[in-house]
PDB file of N, CA and C in Angstrom:
ATOM      1  N   MET A   1     -22.758   6.969 -11.645  1.00  0.00           N
ATOM      2  CA  MET A   1     -22.969   5.840 -12.534  1.00  0.00           C
ATOM      3  C   MET A   1     -22.834   6.285 -13.992  1.00  0.00           C
ATOM      4  N   ARG A   2     -23.334   7.481 -14.275  1.00  0.00           N
ATOM      5  CA  ARG A   2     -23.251   7.986 -15.650  1.00  0.00           C
ATOM      6  C   ARG A   2     -21.791   8.095 -16.100  1.00  0.00           C
ATOM      7  N   ALA A   3     -20.958   8.621 -15.213  1.00  0.00           N
ATOM      8  CA  ALA A   3     -19.538   8.781 -15.552  1.00  0.00           C
ATOM      9  C   ALA A   3     -18.886   7.421 -15.816  1.00  0.00           C
ATOM     10  N   LEU A   4     -19.232   6.426 -15.022  1.00  0.00           N
ATOM     11  CA  LEU A   4     -18.665   5.095 -15.236  1.00  0.00           C
ATOM     12  C   LEU A   4     -19.152   4.486 -16.554  1.00  0.00           C
ATOM     13  N   ARG A   5     -20.421   4.710 -16.879  1.00  0.00           N
ATOM     14  CA  ARG A   5     -20.927   4.195 -18.168  1.00  0.00           C
ATOM     15  C   ARG A   5     -20.220   4.861 -19.339  1.00  0.00           C
ATOM     16  N   GLU A   6     -20.022   6.171 -19.248  1.00  0.00           N
ATOM     17  CA  GLU A   6     -19.325   6.898 -20.310  1.00  0.00           C
ATOM     18  C   GLU A   6     -17.875   6.419 -20.425  1.00  0.00           C
ATOM     19  N   HIS A   7     -17.266   6.195 -19.278  1.00  0.00           N
ATOM     20  CA  HIS A   7     -15.890   5.682 -19.273  1.00  0.00           C
ATOM     21  C   HIS A   7     -15.840   4.311 -19.942  1.00  0.00           C
ATOM     22  N   ARG A   8     -16.796   3.473 -19.616  1.00  0.00           N
ATOM     23  CA  ARG A   8     -16.840   2.120 -20.194  1.00  0.00           C
ATOM     24  C   ARG A   8     -17.025   2.188 -21.707  1.00  0.00           C
ATOM     25  N   GLU A   9     -17.880   3.084 -22.172  1.00  0.00           N
ATOM     26  CA  GLU A   9     -18.079   3.242 -23.622  1.00  0.00           C
ATOM     27  C   GLU A   9     -16.783   3.663 -24.301  1.00  0.00           C
ATOM     28  N   ALA A  10     -16.067   4.601 -23.714  1.00  0.00           N
ATOM     29  CA  ALA A  10     -14.791   5.048 -24.284  1.00  0.00           C
ATOM     30  C   ALA A  10     -13.779   3.898 -24.284  1.00  0.00           C
ATOM     31  N   GLN A  11     -13.787   3.112 -23.215  1.00  0.00           N
ATOM     32  CA  GLN A  11     -12.873   1.977 -23.124  1.00  0.00           C
ATOM     33  C   GLN A  11     -13.192   0.933 -24.198  1.00  0.00           C
ATOM     34  N   LEU A  12     -14.463   0.705 -24.452  1.00  0.00           N
ATOM     35  CA  LEU A  12     -14.848  -0.251 -25.495  1.00  0.00           C
ATOM     36  C   LEU A  12     -14.424   0.234 -26.873  1.00  0.00           C
ATOM     37  N   LEU A  13     -14.492   1.548 -27.097  1.00  0.00           N
ATOM     38  CA  LEU A  13     -14.022   2.105 -28.372  1.00  0.00           C
ATOM     39  C   LEU A  13     -12.508   1.908 -28.522  1.00  0.00           C
ATOM     40  N   GLU A  14     -11.766   2.185 -27.451  1.00  0.00           N
ATOM     41  CA  GLU A  14     -10.314   1.975 -27.494  1.00  0.00           C
ATOM     42  C   GLU A  14      -9.997   0.508 -27.777  1.00  0.00           C
ATOM     43  N   ARG A  15     -10.754  -0.359 -27.153  1.00  0.00           N
ATOM     44  CA  ARG A  15     -10.548  -1.794 -27.334  1.00  0.00           C
ATOM     45  C   ARG A  15     -10.799  -2.190 -28.789  1.00  0.00           C
ATOM     46  N   ALA A  16     -11.863  -1.685 -29.358  1.00  0.00           N
ATOM     47  CA  ALA A  16     -12.189  -2.004 -30.745  1.00  0.00           C
ATOM     48  C   ALA A  16     -11.111  -1.463 -31.688  1.00  0.00           C
ATOM     49  N   PHE A  17     -10.643  -0.251 -31.401  1.00  0.00           N
ATOM     50  CA  PHE A  17      -9.623   0.358 -32.242  1.00  0.00           C
ATOM     51  C   PHE A  17      -8.301  -0.404 -32.159  1.00  0.00           C
ATOM     52  N   ALA A  18      -7.948  -0.871 -30.964  1.00  0.00           N
ATOM     53  CA  ALA A  18      -6.680  -1.586 -30.770  1.00  0.00           C
ATOM     54  C   ALA A  18      -6.729  -3.008 -31.315  1.00  0.00           C
ATOM     55  N   ASP A  19      -7.922  -3.553 -31.455  1.00  0.00           N
ATOM     56  CA  ASP A  19      -8.145  -4.892 -31.994  1.00  0.00           C
ATOM     57  C   ASP A  19      -7.317  -5.928 -31.243  1.00  0.00           C
ATOM     58  N   ASP A  20      -6.481  -6.692 -31.932  1.00  0.00           N
ATOM     59  CA  ASP A  20      -5.726  -7.775 -31.304  1.00  0.00           C
ATOM     60  C   ASP A  20      -4.631  -7.283 -30.354  1.00  0.00           C
ATOM     61  N   ALA A  21      -4.263  -6.011 -30.447  1.00  0.00           N
ATOM     62  CA  ALA A  21      -3.223  -5.469 -29.565  1.00  0.00           C
ATOM     63  C   ALA A  21      -3.760  -5.233 -28.154  1.00  0.00           C
ATOM     64  N   TYR A  22      -5.076  -5.207 -28.009  1.00  0.00           N
ATOM     65  CA  TYR A  22      -5.684  -4.963 -26.698  1.00  0.00           C
ATOM     66  C   TYR A  22      -5.605  -6.225 -25.850  1.00  0.00           C
ATOM     67  N   VAL A  23      -5.112  -6.080 -24.642  1.00  0.00           N
ATOM     68  CA  VAL A  23      -5.027  -7.197 -23.701  1.00  0.00           C
ATOM     69  C   VAL A  23      -6.027  -6.931 -22.584  1.00  0.00           C
ATOM     70  N   ASP A  24      -7.054  -7.753 -22.495  1.00  0.00           N
ATOM     71  CA  ASP A  24      -8.077  -7.552 -21.472  1.00  0.00           C
ATOM     72  C   ASP A  24      -7.529  -7.983 -20.119  1.00  0.00           C
ATOM     73  N   SER A  25      -7.221  -6.992 -19.279  1.00  0.00           N
ATOM     74  CA  SER A  25      -6.695  -7.260 -17.945  1.00  0.00           C
ATOM     75  C   SER A  25      -7.780  -7.119 -16.882  1.00  0.00           C
ATOM     76  N   ASP A  26      -9.023  -6.977 -17.333  1.00  0.00           N
ATOM     77  CA  ASP A  26     -10.170  -6.857 -16.430  1.00  0.00           C
ATOM     78  C   ASP A  26     -10.015  -5.670 -15.476  1.00  0.00           C
ATOM     79  N   LEU A  27      -9.533  -4.543 -16.018  1.00  0.00           N
ATOM     80  CA  LEU A  27      -9.329  -3.337 -15.224  1.00  0.00           C
ATOM     81  C   LEU A  27     -10.395  -2.300 -15.541  1.00  0.00           C
ATOM     82  N   VAL A  28     -10.868  -1.612 -14.539  1.00  0.00           N
ATOM     83  CA  VAL A  28     -11.824  -0.522 -14.765  1.00  0.00           C
ATOM     84  C   VAL A  28     -11.101   0.641 -15.420  1.00  0.00           C
ATOM     85  N   PHE A  29      -9.911   0.941 -14.940  1.00  0.00           N
ATOM     86  CA  PHE A  29      -9.115   2.020 -15.517  1.00  0.00           C
ATOM     87  C   PHE A  29      -7.853   1.407 -16.104  1.00  0.00           C
ATOM     88  N   ALA A  30      -7.720   1.509 -17.402  1.00  0.00           N
ATOM     89  CA  ALA A  30      -6.601   0.892 -18.116  1.00  0.00           C
ATOM     90  C   ALA A  30      -6.083   1.855 -19.173  1.00  0.00           C
ATOM     91  N   ASP A  31      -4.874   1.567 -19.662  1.00  0.00           N
ATOM     92  CA  ASP A  31      -4.360   2.366 -20.768  1.00  0.00           C
ATOM     93  C   ASP A  31      -5.055   1.947 -22.061  1.00  0.00           C
ATOM     94  N   GLU A  32      -4.642   2.519 -23.174  1.00  0.00           N
ATOM     95  CA  GLU A  32      -5.322   2.291 -24.454  1.00  0.00           C
ATOM     96  C   GLU A  32      -5.265   0.848 -24.932  1.00  0.00           C
ATOM     97  N   LEU A  33      -4.316   0.079 -24.379  1.00  0.00           N
ATOM     98  CA  LEU A  33      -4.175  -1.313 -24.795  1.00  0.00           C
ATOM     99  C   LEU A  33      -4.616  -2.296 -23.707  1.00  0.00           C
ATOM    100  N   GLY A  34      -5.296  -1.774 -22.682  1.00  0.00           N
ATOM    101  CA  GLY A  34      -5.836  -2.626 -21.633  1.00  0.00           C
ATOM    102  C   GLY A  34      -4.916  -2.853 -20.453  1.00  0.00           C
ATOM    103  N   GLY A  35      -3.728  -2.284 -20.494  1.00  0.00           N
ATOM    104  CA  GLY A  35      -2.768  -2.478 -19.402  1.00  0.00           C
ATOM    105  C   GLY A  35      -3.030  -1.547 -18.239  1.00  0.00           C
ATOM    106  N   PRO A  36      -2.357  -1.796 -17.128  1.00  0.00           N
ATOM    107  CA  PRO A  36      -2.549  -0.946 -15.948  1.00  0.00           C
ATOM    108  C   PRO A  36      -1.989   0.451 -16.149  1.00  0.00           C
ATOM    109  N   LEU A  37      -2.572   1.396 -15.469  1.00  0.00           N
ATOM    110  CA  LEU A  37      -2.072   2.765 -15.469  1.00  0.00           C
ATOM    111  C   LEU A  37      -1.052   2.894 -14.347  1.00  0.00           C
ATOM    112  N   TYR A  38       0.053   3.533 -14.633  1.00  0.00           N
ATOM    113  CA  TYR A  38       1.078   3.735 -13.617  1.00  0.00           C
ATOM    114  C   TYR A  38       1.169   5.225 -13.308  1.00  0.00           C
ATOM    115  N   PRO A  39       0.650   5.612 -12.146  1.00  0.00           N
ATOM    116  CA  PRO A  39       0.691   7.044 -11.803  1.00  0.00           C
ATOM    117  C   PRO A  39       2.117   7.503 -11.573  1.00  0.00           C
ATOM    118  N   ARG A  40       2.350   8.735 -11.806  1.00  0.00           N
ATOM    119  CA  ARG A  40       3.674   9.336 -11.634  1.00  0.00           C
ATOM    120  C   ARG A  40       3.819   9.882 -10.213  1.00  0.00           C
ATOM    121  N   LEU A  41       3.433   9.075  -9.228  1.00  0.00           N
ATOM    122  CA  LEU A  41       3.498   9.520  -7.841  1.00  0.00           C
ATOM    123  C   LEU A  41       4.910   9.827  -7.406  1.00  0.00           C
ATOM    124  N   THR A  42       5.868   9.049  -7.878  1.00  0.00           N
ATOM    125  CA  THR A  42       7.247   9.267  -7.462  1.00  0.00           C
ATOM    126  C   THR A  42       7.721  10.644  -7.906  1.00  0.00           C
ATOM    127  N   ASP A  43       7.415  11.020  -9.145  1.00  0.00           N
ATOM    128  CA  ASP A  43       7.824  12.338  -9.643  1.00  0.00           C
ATOM    129  C   ASP A  43       7.203  13.457  -8.819  1.00  0.00           C
ATOM    130  N   VAL A  44       5.927  13.314  -8.517  1.00  0.00           N
ATOM    131  CA  VAL A  44       5.229  14.326  -7.717  1.00  0.00           C
ATOM    132  C   VAL A  44       5.824  14.378  -6.315  1.00  0.00           C
ATOM    133  N   PHE A  45       6.056  13.210  -5.729  1.00  0.00           N
ATOM    134  CA  PHE A  45       6.621  13.158  -4.383  1.00  0.00           C
ATOM    135  C   PHE A  45       7.991  13.842  -4.334  1.00  0.00           C
ATOM    136  N   VAL A  46       8.852  13.543  -5.286  1.00  0.00           N
ATOM    137  CA  VAL A  46      10.195  14.144  -5.296  1.00  0.00           C
ATOM    138  C   VAL A  46      10.087  15.662  -5.400  1.00  0.00           C
ATOM    139  N   ARG A  47       9.218  16.140  -6.263  1.00  0.00           N
ATOM    140  CA  ARG A  47       9.044  17.595  -6.414  1.00  0.00           C
ATOM    141  C   ARG A  47       8.574  18.225  -5.103  1.00  0.00           C
ATOM    142  N   LEU A  48       7.574  17.617  -4.453  1.00  0.00           N
ATOM    143  CA  LEU A  48       7.056  18.156  -3.201  1.00  0.00           C
ATOM    144  C   LEU A  48       8.083  18.042  -2.071  1.00  0.00           C
ATOM    145  N   ARG A  49       8.831  16.933  -2.049  1.00  0.00           N
ATOM    146  CA  ARG A  49       9.859  16.755  -1.025  1.00  0.00           C
ATOM    147  C   ARG A  49      10.915  17.838  -1.139  1.00  0.00           C
ATOM    148  N   LYS A  50      11.363  18.099  -2.368  1.00  0.00           N
ATOM    149  CA  LYS A  50      12.381  19.126  -2.588  1.00  0.00           C
ATOM    150  C   LYS A  50      11.842  20.508  -2.239  1.00  0.00           C
ATOM    151  N   ALA A  51      10.582  20.768  -2.618  1.00  0.00           N
ATOM    152  CA  ALA A  51       9.971  22.065  -2.308  1.00  0.00           C
ATOM    153  C   ALA A  51       9.859  22.279  -0.804  1.00  0.00           C
ATOM    154  N   ALA A  52       9.712  21.190  -0.058  1.00  0.00           N
ATOM    155  CA  ALA A  52       9.621  21.279   1.398  1.00  0.00           C
ATOM    156  C   ALA A  52      10.996  21.367   2.061  1.00  0.00           C
ATOM    157  N   GLY A  53      12.057  21.272   1.243  1.00  0.00           N
ATOM    158  CA  GLY A  53      13.404  21.375   1.778  1.00  0.00           C
ATOM    159  C   GLY A  53      13.919  20.095   2.411  1.00  0.00           C
ATOM    160  N   ILE A  54      13.302  18.959   2.085  1.00  0.00           N
ATOM    161  CA  ILE A  54      13.759  17.672   2.614  1.00  0.00           C
ATOM    162  C   ILE A  54      14.743  17.099   1.605  1.00  0.00           C
ATOM    163  N   ALA A  55      15.963  16.885   2.048  1.00  0.00           N
ATOM    164  CA  ALA A  55      17.057  16.540   1.138  1.00  0.00           C
ATOM    165  C   ALA A  55      16.905  15.184   0.466  1.00  0.00           C
ATOM    166  N   SER A  56      16.414  14.184   1.184  1.00  0.00           N
ATOM    167  CA  SER A  56      16.332  12.860   0.579  1.00  0.00           C
ATOM    168  C   SER A  56      15.121  12.114   1.117  1.00  0.00           C
ATOM    169  N   GLY A  57      14.854  10.980   0.498  1.00  0.00           N
ATOM    170  CA  GLY A  57      13.733  10.144   0.917  1.00  0.00           C
ATOM    171  C   GLY A  57      12.887   9.754  -0.285  1.00  0.00           C
ATOM    172  N   THR A  58      12.219   8.629  -0.138  1.00  0.00           N
ATOM    173  CA  THR A  58      11.374   8.110  -1.213  1.00  0.00           C
ATOM    174  C   THR A  58      10.011   7.757  -0.656  1.00  0.00           C
ATOM    175  N   LEU A  59       9.094   7.440  -1.546  1.00  0.00           N
ATOM    176  CA  LEU A  59       7.787   6.955  -1.112  1.00  0.00           C
ATOM    177  C   LEU A  59       7.943   5.671  -0.312  1.00  0.00           C
ATOM    178  N   HIS A  60       8.916   4.862  -0.669  1.00  0.00           N
ATOM    179  CA  HIS A  60       9.145   3.609   0.046  1.00  0.00           C
ATOM    180  C   HIS A  60       9.558   3.880   1.495  1.00  0.00           C
ATOM    181  N   VAL A  61      10.322   4.942   1.710  1.00  0.00           N
ATOM    182  CA  VAL A  61      10.705   5.319   3.067  1.00  0.00           C
ATOM    183  C   VAL A  61       9.456   5.673   3.878  1.00  0.00           C
ATOM    184  N   LEU A  62       8.505   6.339   3.238  1.00  0.00           N
ATOM    185  CA  LEU A  62       7.254   6.671   3.930  1.00  0.00           C
ATOM    186  C   LEU A  62       6.501   5.403   4.316  1.00  0.00           C
ATOM    187  N   ARG A  63       6.548   4.409   3.460  1.00  0.00           N
ATOM    188  CA  ARG A  63       5.896   3.127   3.751  1.00  0.00           C
ATOM    189  C   ARG A  63       6.519   2.500   4.998  1.00  0.00           C
ATOM    190  N   HIS A  64       7.859   2.487   5.047  1.00  0.00           N
ATOM    191  CA  HIS A  64       8.552   1.940   6.213  1.00  0.00           C
ATOM    192  C   HIS A  64       8.250   2.767   7.466  1.00  0.00           C
ATOM    193  N   THR A  65       8.196   4.071   7.306  1.00  0.00           N
ATOM    194  CA  THR A  65       7.894   4.936   8.441  1.00  0.00           C
ATOM    195  C   THR A  65       6.500   4.636   8.981  1.00  0.00           C
ATOM    196  N   ALA A  66       5.530   4.499   8.093  1.00  0.00           N
ATOM    197  CA  ALA A  66       4.160   4.194   8.520  1.00  0.00           C
ATOM    198  C   ALA A  66       4.107   2.857   9.251  1.00  0.00           C
ATOM    199  N   ALA A  67       4.778   1.854   8.711  1.00  0.00           N
ATOM    200  CA  ALA A  67       4.790   0.531   9.352  1.00  0.00           C
ATOM    201  C   ALA A  67       5.472   0.601  10.708  1.00  0.00           C
ATOM    202  N   THR A  68       6.595   1.285  10.789  1.00  0.00           N
ATOM    203  CA  THR A  68       7.336   1.392  12.036  1.00  0.00           C
ATOM    204  C   THR A  68       6.514   2.105  13.103  1.00  0.00           C
ATOM    205  N   LEU A  69       5.904   3.224  12.733  1.00  0.00           N
ATOM    206  CA  LEU A  69       5.089   3.968  13.697  1.00  0.00           C
ATOM    207  C   LEU A  69       3.909   3.135  14.184  1.00  0.00           C
ATOM    208  N   ALA A  70       3.266   2.436  13.258  1.00  0.00           N
ATOM    209  CA  ALA A  70       2.104   1.630  13.634  1.00  0.00           C
ATOM    210  C   ALA A  70       2.515   0.504  14.587  1.00  0.00           C
ATOM    211  N   LEU A  71       3.550  -0.228  14.225  1.00  0.00           N
ATOM    212  CA  LEU A  71       3.964  -1.375  15.036  1.00  0.00           C
ATOM    213  C   LEU A  71       4.488  -0.958  16.407  1.00  0.00           C
ATOM    214  N   THR A  72       5.248   0.116  16.464  1.00  0.00           N
ATOM    215  CA  THR A  72       5.815   0.546  17.750  1.00  0.00           C
ATOM    216  C   THR A  72       4.783   1.244  18.624  1.00  0.00           C
ATOM    217  N   ASN A  73       3.599   1.464  18.080  1.00  0.00           N
ATOM    218  CA  ASN A  73       2.521   2.069  18.869  1.00  0.00           C
ATOM    219  C   ASN A  73       1.365   1.109  19.090  1.00  0.00           C
ATOM    220  N   GLY A  74       1.655  -0.182  18.966  1.00  0.00           N
ATOM    221  CA  GLY A  74       0.693  -1.183  19.374  1.00  0.00           C
ATOM    222  C   GLY A  74      -0.324  -1.642  18.353  1.00  0.00           C
ATOM    223  N   ILE A  75      -0.207  -1.224  17.114  1.00  0.00           N
ATOM    224  CA  ILE A  75      -1.133  -1.711  16.089  1.00  0.00           C
ATOM    225  C   ILE A  75      -0.755  -3.161  15.788  1.00  0.00           C
ATOM    226  N   PRO A  76      -1.711  -4.074  15.823  1.00  0.00           N
ATOM    227  CA  PRO A  76      -1.392  -5.491  15.585  1.00  0.00           C
ATOM    228  C   PRO A  76      -0.775  -5.728  14.202  1.00  0.00           C
ATOM    229  N   VAL A  77       0.121  -6.701  14.159  1.00  0.00           N
ATOM    230  CA  VAL A  77       0.852  -7.007  12.928  1.00  0.00           C
ATOM    231  C   VAL A  77      -0.097  -7.295  11.769  1.00  0.00           C
ATOM    232  N   HIS A  78      -1.166  -8.035  11.997  1.00  0.00           N
ATOM    233  CA  HIS A  78      -2.065  -8.378  10.892  1.00  0.00           C
ATOM    234  C   HIS A  78      -2.763  -7.138  10.335  1.00  0.00           C
ATOM    235  N   ILE A  79      -3.004  -6.139  11.171  1.00  0.00           N
ATOM    236  CA  ILE A  79      -3.621  -4.893  10.697  1.00  0.00           C
ATOM    237  C   ILE A  79      -2.610  -4.100   9.869  1.00  0.00           C
ATOM    238  N   VAL A  80      -1.381  -3.998  10.365  1.00  0.00           N
ATOM    239  CA  VAL A  80      -0.330  -3.287   9.619  1.00  0.00           C
ATOM    240  C   VAL A  80      -0.105  -3.968   8.275  1.00  0.00           C
ATOM    241  N   ALA A  81      -0.055  -5.288   8.286  1.00  0.00           N
ATOM    242  CA  ALA A  81       0.153  -6.032   7.038  1.00  0.00           C
ATOM    243  C   ALA A  81      -0.964  -5.753   6.048  1.00  0.00           C
ATOM    244  N   ALA A  82      -2.198  -5.743   6.527  1.00  0.00           N
ATOM    245  CA  ALA A  82      -3.331  -5.479   5.633  1.00  0.00           C
ATOM    246  C   ALA A  82      -3.247  -4.075   5.050  1.00  0.00           C
ATOM    247  N   ARG A  83      -2.866  -3.108   5.866  1.00  0.00           N
ATOM    248  CA  ARG A  83      -2.754  -1.729   5.376  1.00  0.00           C
ATOM    249  C   ARG A  83      -1.637  -1.584   4.353  1.00  0.00           C
ATOM    250  N   LEU A  84      -0.579  -2.376   4.521  1.00  0.00           N
ATOM    251  CA  LEU A  84       0.538  -2.324   3.570  1.00  0.00           C
ATOM    252  C   LEU A  84       0.295  -3.193   2.343  1.00  0.00           C
ATOM    253  N   GLY A  85      -0.720  -4.052   2.415  1.00  0.00           N
ATOM    254  CA  GLY A  85      -0.955  -4.989   1.321  1.00  0.00           C
ATOM    255  C   GLY A  85       0.048  -6.125   1.343  1.00  0.00           C
ATOM    256  N   ASP A  86       0.527  -6.466   2.537  1.00  0.00           N
ATOM    257  CA  ASP A  86       1.535  -7.504   2.698  1.00  0.00           C
ATOM    258  C   ASP A  86       0.986  -8.661   3.516  1.00  0.00           C
ATOM    259  N   ASP A  87       1.723  -9.738   3.513  1.00  0.00           N
ATOM    260  CA  ASP A  87       1.436 -10.884   4.350  1.00  0.00           C
ATOM    261  C   ASP A  87       2.003 -10.591   5.744  1.00  0.00           C
ATOM    262  N   PRO A  88       1.302 -10.973   6.817  1.00  0.00           N
ATOM    263  CA  PRO A  88       1.836 -10.734   8.168  1.00  0.00           C
ATOM    264  C   PRO A  88       3.235 -11.319   8.380  1.00  0.00           C
ATOM    265  N   ASN A  89       3.525 -12.466   7.764  1.00  0.00           N
ATOM    266  CA  ASN A  89       4.862 -13.049   7.906  1.00  0.00           C
ATOM    267  C   ASN A  89       5.935 -12.167   7.283  1.00  0.00           C
ATOM    268  N   THR A  90       5.605 -11.521   6.177  1.00  0.00           N
ATOM    269  CA  THR A  90       6.547 -10.598   5.541  1.00  0.00           C
ATOM    270  C   THR A  90       6.804  -9.405   6.444  1.00  0.00           C
ATOM    271  N   VAL A  91       5.728  -8.879   7.021  1.00  0.00           N
ATOM    272  CA  VAL A  91       5.873  -7.735   7.926  1.00  0.00           C
ATOM    273  C   VAL A  91       6.719  -8.135   9.138  1.00  0.00           C
ATOM    274  N   LEU A  92       6.435  -9.298   9.709  1.00  0.00           N
ATOM    275  CA  LEU A  92       7.236  -9.760  10.851  1.00  0.00           C
ATOM    276  C   LEU A  92       8.700  -9.938  10.475  1.00  0.00           C
ATOM    277  N   GLY A  93       8.943 -10.498   9.295  1.00  0.00           N
ATOM    278  CA  GLY A  93      10.316 -10.701   8.856  1.00  0.00           C
ATOM    279  C   GLY A  93      11.078  -9.408   8.691  1.00  0.00           C
ATOM    280  N   THR A  94      10.375  -8.352   8.335  1.00  0.00           N
ATOM    281  CA  THR A  94      11.009  -7.055   8.106  1.00  0.00           C
ATOM    282  C   THR A  94      11.113  -6.224   9.371  1.00  0.00           C
ATOM    283  N   TYR A  95      10.095  -6.304  10.222  1.00  0.00           N
ATOM    284  CA  TYR A  95      10.006  -5.373  11.350  1.00  0.00           C
ATOM    285  C   TYR A  95      10.070  -6.023  12.726  1.00  0.00           C
ATOM    286  N   ALA A  96      10.346  -7.315  12.816  1.00  0.00           N
ATOM    287  CA  ALA A  96      10.346  -7.997  14.112  1.00  0.00           C
ATOM    288  C   ALA A  96      11.311  -7.357  15.102  1.00  0.00           C
ATOM    289  N   HIS A  97      12.395  -6.806  14.615  1.00  0.00           N
ATOM    290  CA  HIS A  97      13.378  -6.178  15.508  1.00  0.00           C
ATOM    291  C   HIS A  97      12.795  -4.981  16.263  1.00  0.00           C
ATOM    292  N   LEU A  98      11.696  -4.447  15.759  1.00  0.00           N
ATOM    293  CA  LEU A  98      11.059  -3.309  16.420  1.00  0.00           C
ATOM    294  C   LEU A  98      10.162  -3.740  17.575  1.00  0.00           C
ATOM    295  N   LEU A  99       9.931  -5.025  17.701  1.00  0.00           N
ATOM    296  CA  LEU A  99       8.947  -5.517  18.652  1.00  0.00           C
ATOM    297  C   LEU A  99       9.552  -6.350  19.786  1.00  0.00           C
ATOM    298  N   PRO A 100      10.719  -6.010  20.315  1.00  0.00           N
ATOM    299  CA  PRO A 100      11.302  -6.855  21.358  1.00  0.00           C
ATOM    300  C   PRO A 100      10.469  -6.879  22.632  1.00  0.00           C
ATOM    301  N   GLN A 101       9.689  -5.828  22.859  1.00  0.00           N
ATOM    302  CA  GLN A 101       8.880  -5.767  24.065  1.00  0.00           C
ATOM    303  C   GLN A 101       7.584  -6.550  23.927  1.00  0.00           C
ATOM    304  N   SER A 102       7.236  -7.005  22.757  1.00  0.00           N
ATOM    305  CA  SER A 102       5.961  -7.665  22.534  1.00  0.00           C
ATOM    306  C   SER A 102       5.782  -8.904  23.386  1.00  0.00           C
ATOM    307  N   ASP A 103       6.789  -9.755  23.469  1.00  0.00           N
ATOM    308  CA  ASP A 103       6.675 -10.982  24.248  1.00  0.00           C
ATOM    309  C   ASP A 103       6.525 -10.653  25.727  1.00  0.00           C
ATOM    310  N   GLU A 104       7.312  -9.701  26.187  1.00  0.00           N
ATOM    311  CA  GLU A 104       7.244  -9.285  27.588  1.00  0.00           C
ATOM    312  C   GLU A 104       5.871  -8.691  27.907  1.00  0.00           C
ATOM    313  N   GLN A 105       5.355  -7.842  27.028  1.00  0.00           N
ATOM    314  CA  GLN A 105       4.035  -7.243  27.234  1.00  0.00           C
ATOM    315  C   GLN A 105       2.951  -8.313  27.268  1.00  0.00           C
ATOM    316  N   ALA A 106       3.044  -9.280  26.367  1.00  0.00           N
ATOM    317  CA  ALA A 106       2.046 -10.348  26.323  1.00  0.00           C
ATOM    318  C   ALA A 106       2.061 -11.132  27.625  1.00  0.00           C
ATOM    319  N   ALA A 107       3.256 -11.469  28.123  1.00  0.00           N
ATOM    320  CA  ALA A 107       3.369 -12.219  29.372  1.00  0.00           C
ATOM    321  C   ALA A 107       2.785 -11.424  30.536  1.00  0.00           C
ATOM    322  N   GLU A 108       3.080 -10.139  30.592  1.00  0.00           N
ATOM    323  CA  GLU A 108       2.560  -9.297  31.674  1.00  0.00           C
ATOM    324  C   GLU A 108       1.037  -9.202  31.627  1.00  0.00           C
ATOM    325  N   ARG A 109       0.473  -9.050  30.444  1.00  0.00           N
ATOM    326  CA  ARG A 109      -0.985  -8.928  30.315  1.00  0.00           C
ATOM    327  C   ARG A 109      -1.694 -10.225  30.685  1.00  0.00           C
ATOM    328  N   VAL A 110      -1.143 -11.350  30.239  1.00  0.00           N
ATOM    329  CA  VAL A 110      -1.751 -12.641  30.578  1.00  0.00           C
ATOM    330  C   VAL A 110      -1.627 -12.871  32.084  1.00  0.00           C
ATOM    331  N   ALA A 111      -0.479 -12.539  32.670  1.00  0.00           N
ATOM    332  CA  ALA A 111      -0.292 -12.690  34.121  1.00  0.00           C
ATOM    333  C   ALA A 111      -1.285 -11.826  34.886  1.00  0.00           C
ATOM    334  N   ALA A 112      -1.511 -10.616  34.421  1.00  0.00           N
ATOM    335  CA  ALA A 112      -2.482  -9.720  35.085  1.00  0.00           C
ATOM    336  C   ALA A 112      -3.888 -10.296  34.999  1.00  0.00           C
ATOM    337  N   LEU A 113      -4.238 -10.875  33.869  1.00  0.00           N
ATOM    338  CA  LEU A 113      -5.560 -11.494  33.724  1.00  0.00           C
ATOM    339  C   LEU A 113      -5.717 -12.682  34.654  1.00  0.00           C
ATOM    340  N   LEU A 114      -4.673 -13.491  34.778  1.00  0.00           N
ATOM    341  CA  LEU A 114      -4.727 -14.674  35.639  1.00  0.00           C
ATOM    342  C   LEU A 114      -4.760 -14.278  37.114  1.00  0.00           C
ATOM    343  N   ALA A 115      -4.194 -13.134  37.450  1.00  0.00           N
ATOM    344  CA  ALA A 115      -4.147 -12.691  38.844  1.00  0.00           C
ATOM    345  C   ALA A 115      -5.517 -12.225  39.333  1.00  0.00           C
ATOM    346  N   ARG A 116      -6.416 -11.952  38.438  1.00  0.00           N
ATOM    347  CA  ARG A 116      -7.758 -11.475  38.823  1.00  0.00           C
ATOM    348  C   ARG A 116      -8.452 -12.526  39.568  1.00  0.00           C
TER     349      ARG A 116
END
């Protein structure tokens, strides 16, 4: 809590110094003018990817890989969408081709339940 209070005090000083140039975006962590911070994850990723000897690929490819692995291993679409920060319809629109067995599996499971 102390660290957050100190951070808030520093942020208020930056805000006062920036005066009208400060845009309150209601962010806990913001740049000197109140805007969002953009981490340099892509730069770090590229450096680590090259150091690992992987010729190509982006962070976005990792996102697709995570979604593909999750969906093809039975994780429900709404869970994958939530983890990606997407709408389930968007995920279905992008990855539906990976789920051709879903309808067949659903029919088999419902049939097995009814057979009991």
